[in-house]
Amino acid sequence: GEGGEGGGVRVNKALRASHSRRETDRLVAAGRVRLNGRVASAGDRLQAGDVVTLDGVRVDWAPLNGASGAAGGERVRFSYLKMWKRRGVVCTTDRRVRGNILDELG
């Protein structure tokens, strides 16, 4: 799971269920994210089986990112929606934000 170019998922995507990309970049820069027991860096890429923690709590990142090995080697299938967003809808999946896109989609 280490280092720059190549396959895998960027470490900042491991926390995408709970944090924005920018928030995750700040957490990584602050040394709060670990990859396989060592402090993660922004260029790290994750492979199936890598262990990611935030403040010592393990993050189940693989199912969110389609990594094999999560559930018997199966890959997660995604559905994509295209939406013309009306004014006032906020592009965030944070349900605490009024007018978030998930509430708009229903």
N, C-alpha and C. Protein backbone atom coordinates (compact mmCIF):
# COMPACT_ATOMS: atom_id res chain seq x y z
N GLY A 1 0.76 -1.20 0.00
CA GLY A 1 0.00 0.00 0.00
C GLY A 1 0.80 1.26 0.00
N GLU A 2 2.09 1.23 -0.28
CA GLU A 2 2.87 2.45 -0.13
C GLU A 2 3.16 3.11 -1.46
N GLY A 3 3.36 4.43 -1.38
CA GLY A 3 3.99 5.19 -2.43
C GLY A 3 3.16 5.53 -3.64
N GLY A 4 3.60 6.48 -4.35
CA GLY A 4 3.13 7.22 -5.49
C GLY A 4 2.26 6.58 -6.53
N GLU A 5 2.82 6.37 -7.70
CA GLU A 5 2.03 6.01 -8.87
C GLU A 5 1.61 4.55 -8.85
N GLY A 6 0.73 4.20 -9.79
CA GLY A 6 0.34 2.81 -9.93
C GLY A 6 -1.07 2.57 -9.49
N GLY A 7 -1.39 1.28 -9.28
CA GLY A 7 -2.75 0.89 -8.95
C GLY A 7 -3.13 1.26 -7.54
N GLY A 8 -4.31 0.82 -7.18
CA GLY A 8 -4.79 1.08 -5.83
C GLY A 8 -5.59 2.37 -5.74
N VAL A 9 -6.06 2.61 -4.53
CA VAL A 9 -6.91 3.76 -4.24
C VAL A 9 -6.12 4.74 -3.39
N ARG A 10 -6.19 6.02 -3.69
CA ARG A 10 -5.50 7.01 -2.88
C ARG A 10 -6.01 6.99 -1.45
N VAL A 11 -5.12 7.21 -0.51
CA VAL A 11 -5.46 7.10 0.91
C VAL A 11 -6.58 8.05 1.31
N ASN A 12 -6.69 9.20 0.68
CA ASN A 12 -7.75 10.13 1.10
C ASN A 12 -9.15 9.62 0.76
N LYS A 13 -9.26 8.63 -0.13
CA LYS A 13 -10.57 8.05 -0.43
C LYS A 13 -11.02 7.06 0.63
N ALA A 14 -10.12 6.63 1.49
CA ALA A 14 -10.47 5.66 2.52
C ALA A 14 -11.49 6.21 3.51
N LEU A 15 -11.51 7.52 3.67
CA LEU A 15 -12.40 8.15 4.64
C LEU A 15 -13.56 8.88 3.99
N ARG A 16 -13.83 8.58 2.75
CA ARG A 16 -14.83 9.36 2.03
C ARG A 16 -16.26 9.21 2.54
N ALA A 17 -16.53 8.18 3.31
CA ALA A 17 -17.88 8.03 3.86
C ALA A 17 -18.14 9.04 4.98
N SER A 18 -17.09 9.51 5.61
CA SER A 18 -17.28 10.38 6.77
C SER A 18 -16.60 11.74 6.67
N HIS A 19 -15.73 11.94 5.68
CA HIS A 19 -14.98 13.19 5.57
C HIS A 19 -14.88 13.60 4.10
N SER A 20 -14.78 14.90 3.88
CA SER A 20 -14.54 15.39 2.52
C SER A 20 -13.08 15.10 2.14
N ARG A 21 -12.78 15.23 0.87
CA ARG A 21 -11.42 15.01 0.41
C ARG A 21 -10.46 15.98 1.09
N ARG A 22 -10.86 17.23 1.19
CA ARG A 22 -10.00 18.24 1.82
C ARG A 22 -9.79 17.95 3.30
N GLU A 23 -10.87 17.55 3.98
CA GLU A 23 -10.73 17.19 5.40
C GLU A 23 -9.77 16.02 5.56
N THR A 24 -9.90 15.02 4.69
CA THR A 24 -9.03 13.86 4.76
C THR A 24 -7.58 14.25 4.49
N ASP A 25 -7.36 15.14 3.52
CA ASP A 25 -6.00 15.61 3.26
C ASP A 25 -5.40 16.27 4.50
N ARG A 26 -6.22 17.04 5.22
CA ARG A 26 -5.73 17.68 6.45
C ARG A 26 -5.43 16.64 7.53
N LEU A 27 -6.28 15.62 7.65
CA LEU A 27 -6.04 14.56 8.64
C LEU A 27 -4.74 13.81 8.35
N VAL A 28 -4.51 13.52 7.06
CA VAL A 28 -3.27 12.84 6.66
C VAL A 28 -2.07 13.73 6.99
N ALA A 29 -2.15 15.01 6.62
CA ALA A 29 -1.05 15.94 6.87
C ALA A 29 -0.75 16.09 8.37
N ALA A 30 -1.79 15.96 9.19
CA ALA A 30 -1.62 16.08 10.64
C ALA A 30 -1.09 14.79 11.27
N GLY A 31 -0.93 13.74 10.48
CA GLY A 31 -0.40 12.48 11.00
C GLY A 31 -1.41 11.64 11.75
N ARG A 32 -2.71 11.92 11.56
CA ARG A 32 -3.75 11.19 12.28
C ARG A 32 -4.20 9.92 11.58
N VAL A 33 -3.80 9.75 10.30
CA VAL A 33 -4.17 8.57 9.52
C VAL A 33 -2.95 7.65 9.42
N ARG A 34 -3.17 6.37 9.68
CA ARG A 34 -2.09 5.39 9.58
C ARG A 34 -2.47 4.33 8.55
N LEU A 35 -1.45 3.86 7.87
CA LEU A 35 -1.60 2.81 6.87
C LEU A 35 -0.67 1.67 7.27
N ASN A 36 -1.27 0.53 7.60
CA ASN A 36 -0.52 -0.64 8.03
C ASN A 36 0.44 -0.32 9.17
N GLY A 37 -0.03 0.52 10.11
CA GLY A 37 0.73 0.81 11.32
C GLY A 37 1.69 1.98 11.24
N ARG A 38 1.90 2.54 10.06
CA ARG A 38 2.79 3.70 9.97
C ARG A 38 1.98 4.92 9.54
N VAL A 39 2.50 6.10 9.84
CA VAL A 39 1.81 7.33 9.48
C VAL A 39 1.70 7.40 7.97
N ALA A 40 0.49 7.63 7.48
CA ALA A 40 0.24 7.70 6.04
C ALA A 40 0.72 9.03 5.48
N SER A 41 1.05 9.02 4.21
CA SER A 41 1.39 10.26 3.51
C SER A 41 0.42 10.42 2.34
N ALA A 42 0.31 11.63 1.84
CA ALA A 42 -0.70 11.97 0.83
C ALA A 42 -0.61 11.10 -0.42
N GLY A 43 0.56 10.64 -0.81
CA GLY A 43 0.71 9.88 -2.04
C GLY A 43 0.46 8.39 -1.89
N ASP A 44 0.20 7.93 -0.67
CA ASP A 44 0.00 6.49 -0.46
C ASP A 44 -1.22 5.97 -1.20
N ARG A 45 -1.08 4.74 -1.73
CA ARG A 45 -2.19 4.08 -2.40
C ARG A 45 -2.49 2.80 -1.67
N LEU A 46 -3.78 2.51 -1.54
CA LEU A 46 -4.24 1.35 -0.79
C LEU A 46 -4.49 0.16 -1.70
N GLN A 47 -4.16 -1.00 -1.20
CA GLN A 47 -4.43 -2.25 -1.89
C GLN A 47 -5.31 -3.10 -0.97
N ALA A 48 -6.00 -4.07 -1.54
CA ALA A 48 -6.82 -4.97 -0.74
C ALA A 48 -5.98 -5.55 0.39
N GLY A 49 -6.51 -5.54 1.60
CA GLY A 49 -5.80 -6.08 2.75
C GLY A 49 -5.08 -5.03 3.57
N ASP A 50 -4.88 -3.83 3.02
CA ASP A 50 -4.25 -2.77 3.79
C ASP A 50 -5.14 -2.36 4.95
N VAL A 51 -4.53 -2.00 6.08
CA VAL A 51 -5.26 -1.58 7.27
C VAL A 51 -5.08 -0.07 7.43
N VAL A 52 -6.20 0.65 7.44
CA VAL A 52 -6.20 2.10 7.61
C VAL A 52 -6.84 2.42 8.95
N THR A 53 -6.21 3.31 9.73
CA THR A 53 -6.80 3.76 10.98
C THR A 53 -6.80 5.28 11.02
N LEU A 54 -7.80 5.83 11.69
CA LEU A 54 -7.90 7.26 11.97
C LEU A 54 -7.95 7.40 13.47
N ASP A 55 -6.98 8.07 14.04
CA ASP A 55 -6.89 8.25 15.50
C ASP A 55 -6.99 6.91 16.23
N GLY A 56 -6.38 5.87 15.64
CA GLY A 56 -6.34 4.56 16.27
C GLY A 56 -7.56 3.68 16.03
N VAL A 57 -8.56 4.19 15.32
CA VAL A 57 -9.78 3.43 15.05
C VAL A 57 -9.72 2.92 13.60
N ARG A 58 -9.89 1.62 13.44
CA ARG A 58 -9.81 1.02 12.12
C ARG A 58 -10.94 1.50 11.22
N VAL A 59 -10.61 1.81 9.98
CA VAL A 59 -11.56 2.29 8.97
C VAL A 59 -11.82 1.16 7.99
N ASP A 60 -13.08 0.79 7.80
CA ASP A 60 -13.44 -0.25 6.83
C ASP A 60 -13.59 0.41 5.46
N TRP A 61 -12.48 0.62 4.80
CA TRP A 61 -12.45 1.39 3.57
C TRP A 61 -12.73 0.57 2.32
N ALA A 62 -12.43 -0.70 2.33
CA ALA A 62 -12.47 -1.50 1.10
C ALA A 62 -13.85 -1.56 0.43
N PRO A 63 -14.94 -1.81 1.17
CA PRO A 63 -16.24 -1.88 0.49
C PRO A 63 -16.63 -0.58 -0.20
N LEU A 64 -16.20 0.55 0.33
CA LEU A 64 -16.55 1.84 -0.27
C LEU A 64 -15.79 2.11 -1.55
N ASN A 65 -14.65 1.46 -1.70
CA ASN A 65 -13.77 1.78 -2.82
C ASN A 65 -13.63 0.65 -3.82
N GLY A 66 -14.44 -0.40 -3.69
CA GLY A 66 -14.44 -1.47 -4.67
C GLY A 66 -13.20 -2.34 -4.63
N ALA A 67 -12.49 -2.36 -3.51
CA ALA A 67 -11.29 -3.20 -3.41
C ALA A 67 -11.69 -4.65 -3.25
N SER A 68 -11.02 -5.52 -3.94
CA SER A 68 -11.31 -6.93 -3.77
C SER A 68 -10.78 -7.39 -2.44
N GLY A 69 -11.33 -8.45 -1.94
CA GLY A 69 -10.90 -8.97 -0.65
C GLY A 69 -11.83 -8.55 0.46
N ALA A 70 -12.75 -7.65 0.18
CA ALA A 70 -13.64 -7.15 1.22
C ALA A 70 -14.65 -8.21 1.63
N ALA A 71 -15.29 -8.82 0.66
CA ALA A 71 -16.32 -9.81 0.98
C ALA A 71 -16.10 -11.03 0.09
N GLY A 72 -15.20 -11.89 0.49
CA GLY A 72 -14.94 -13.09 -0.29
C GLY A 72 -14.35 -12.82 -1.66
N GLY A 73 -13.64 -11.69 -1.80
CA GLY A 73 -13.00 -11.38 -3.08
C GLY A 73 -13.92 -10.70 -4.07
N GLU A 74 -15.16 -10.44 -3.70
CA GLU A 74 -16.09 -9.79 -4.62
C GLU A 74 -15.85 -8.30 -4.66
N ARG A 75 -16.06 -7.72 -5.81
CA ARG A 75 -15.95 -6.27 -5.93
C ARG A 75 -17.32 -5.66 -5.72
N VAL A 76 -17.35 -4.48 -5.14
CA VAL A 76 -18.59 -3.77 -4.92
C VAL A 76 -19.01 -3.11 -6.23
N ARG A 77 -20.28 -3.23 -6.56
CA ARG A 77 -20.80 -2.60 -7.77
C ARG A 77 -21.42 -1.26 -7.40
N PHE A 78 -21.17 -0.26 -8.20
CA PHE A 78 -21.70 1.07 -7.97
C PHE A 78 -22.75 1.40 -9.01
N SER A 79 -23.68 2.23 -8.62
CA SER A 79 -24.63 2.81 -9.56
C SER A 79 -24.35 4.30 -9.61
N TYR A 80 -24.34 4.84 -10.80
CA TYR A 80 -24.07 6.25 -10.97
C TYR A 80 -25.33 6.95 -11.45
N LEU A 81 -25.56 8.12 -10.91
CA LEU A 81 -26.71 8.93 -11.29
C LEU A 81 -26.21 10.24 -11.87
N LYS A 82 -26.91 10.73 -12.86
CA LYS A 82 -26.60 12.05 -13.40
C LYS A 82 -27.76 12.95 -13.02
N MET A 83 -27.44 14.10 -12.50
CA MET A 83 -28.48 14.99 -11.99
C MET A 83 -28.12 16.43 -12.33
N TRP A 84 -29.08 17.18 -12.82
CA TRP A 84 -28.89 18.60 -12.98
C TRP A 84 -29.35 19.23 -11.68
N LYS A 85 -28.39 19.71 -10.95
CA LYS A 85 -28.63 20.22 -9.61
C LYS A 85 -29.25 21.61 -9.68
N ARG A 86 -30.33 21.76 -8.93
CA ARG A 86 -30.97 23.08 -8.88
C ARG A 86 -30.24 23.97 -7.87
N ARG A 87 -30.43 25.24 -7.99
CA ARG A 87 -29.81 26.20 -7.08
C ARG A 87 -30.25 25.92 -5.65
N GLY A 88 -29.30 25.97 -4.73
CA GLY A 88 -29.61 25.75 -3.32
C GLY A 88 -29.29 24.35 -2.82
N VAL A 89 -29.07 23.41 -3.74
CA VAL A 89 -28.69 22.05 -3.33
C VAL A 89 -27.18 22.03 -3.13
N VAL A 90 -26.76 21.52 -1.98
CA VAL A 90 -25.33 21.50 -1.64
C VAL A 90 -24.74 20.15 -2.01
N CYS A 91 -23.63 20.15 -2.73
CA CYS A 91 -22.97 18.90 -3.15
C CYS A 91 -22.16 18.31 -2.00
N THR A 92 -22.86 17.72 -1.06
CA THR A 92 -22.23 17.02 0.05
C THR A 92 -23.11 15.84 0.42
N THR A 93 -22.48 14.80 0.94
CA THR A 93 -23.24 13.66 1.44
C THR A 93 -23.42 13.74 2.94
N ASP A 94 -23.01 14.86 3.53
CA ASP A 94 -23.16 15.07 4.97
C ASP A 94 -24.61 15.44 5.25
N ARG A 95 -25.34 14.53 5.86
CA ARG A 95 -26.77 14.73 6.11
C ARG A 95 -27.04 15.84 7.12
N ARG A 96 -26.00 16.28 7.84
CA ARG A 96 -26.19 17.38 8.79
C ARG A 96 -26.32 18.72 8.08
N VAL A 97 -25.90 18.78 6.81
CA VAL A 97 -25.96 20.01 6.04
C VAL A 97 -27.33 20.13 5.40
N ARG A 98 -28.01 21.22 5.70
CA ARG A 98 -29.34 21.46 5.14
C ARG A 98 -29.24 21.60 3.62
N GLY A 99 -30.13 20.93 2.90
CA GLY A 99 -30.15 20.99 1.45
C GLY A 99 -29.09 20.13 0.78
N ASN A 100 -28.61 19.07 1.47
CA ASN A 100 -27.57 18.21 0.88
C ASN A 100 -28.15 17.41 -0.29
N ILE A 101 -27.27 16.95 -1.12
CA ILE A 101 -27.69 16.28 -2.36
C ILE A 101 -28.39 14.94 -2.11
N LEU A 102 -28.04 14.25 -1.03
CA LEU A 102 -28.70 12.98 -0.74
C LEU A 102 -30.17 13.18 -0.41
N ASP A 103 -30.47 14.22 0.36
CA ASP A 103 -31.87 14.51 0.66
C ASP A 103 -32.63 14.91 -0.60
N GLU A 104 -31.96 15.62 -1.50
CA GLU A 104 -32.59 16.01 -2.76
C GLU A 104 -32.93 14.80 -3.62
N LEU A 105 -32.06 13.81 -3.64
CA LEU A 105 -32.30 12.61 -4.44
C LEU A 105 -33.38 11.73 -3.82
N GLY A 106 -33.57 11.89 -2.53
CA GLY A 106 -34.63 11.15 -1.84
C GLY A 106 -34.18 9.81 -1.44
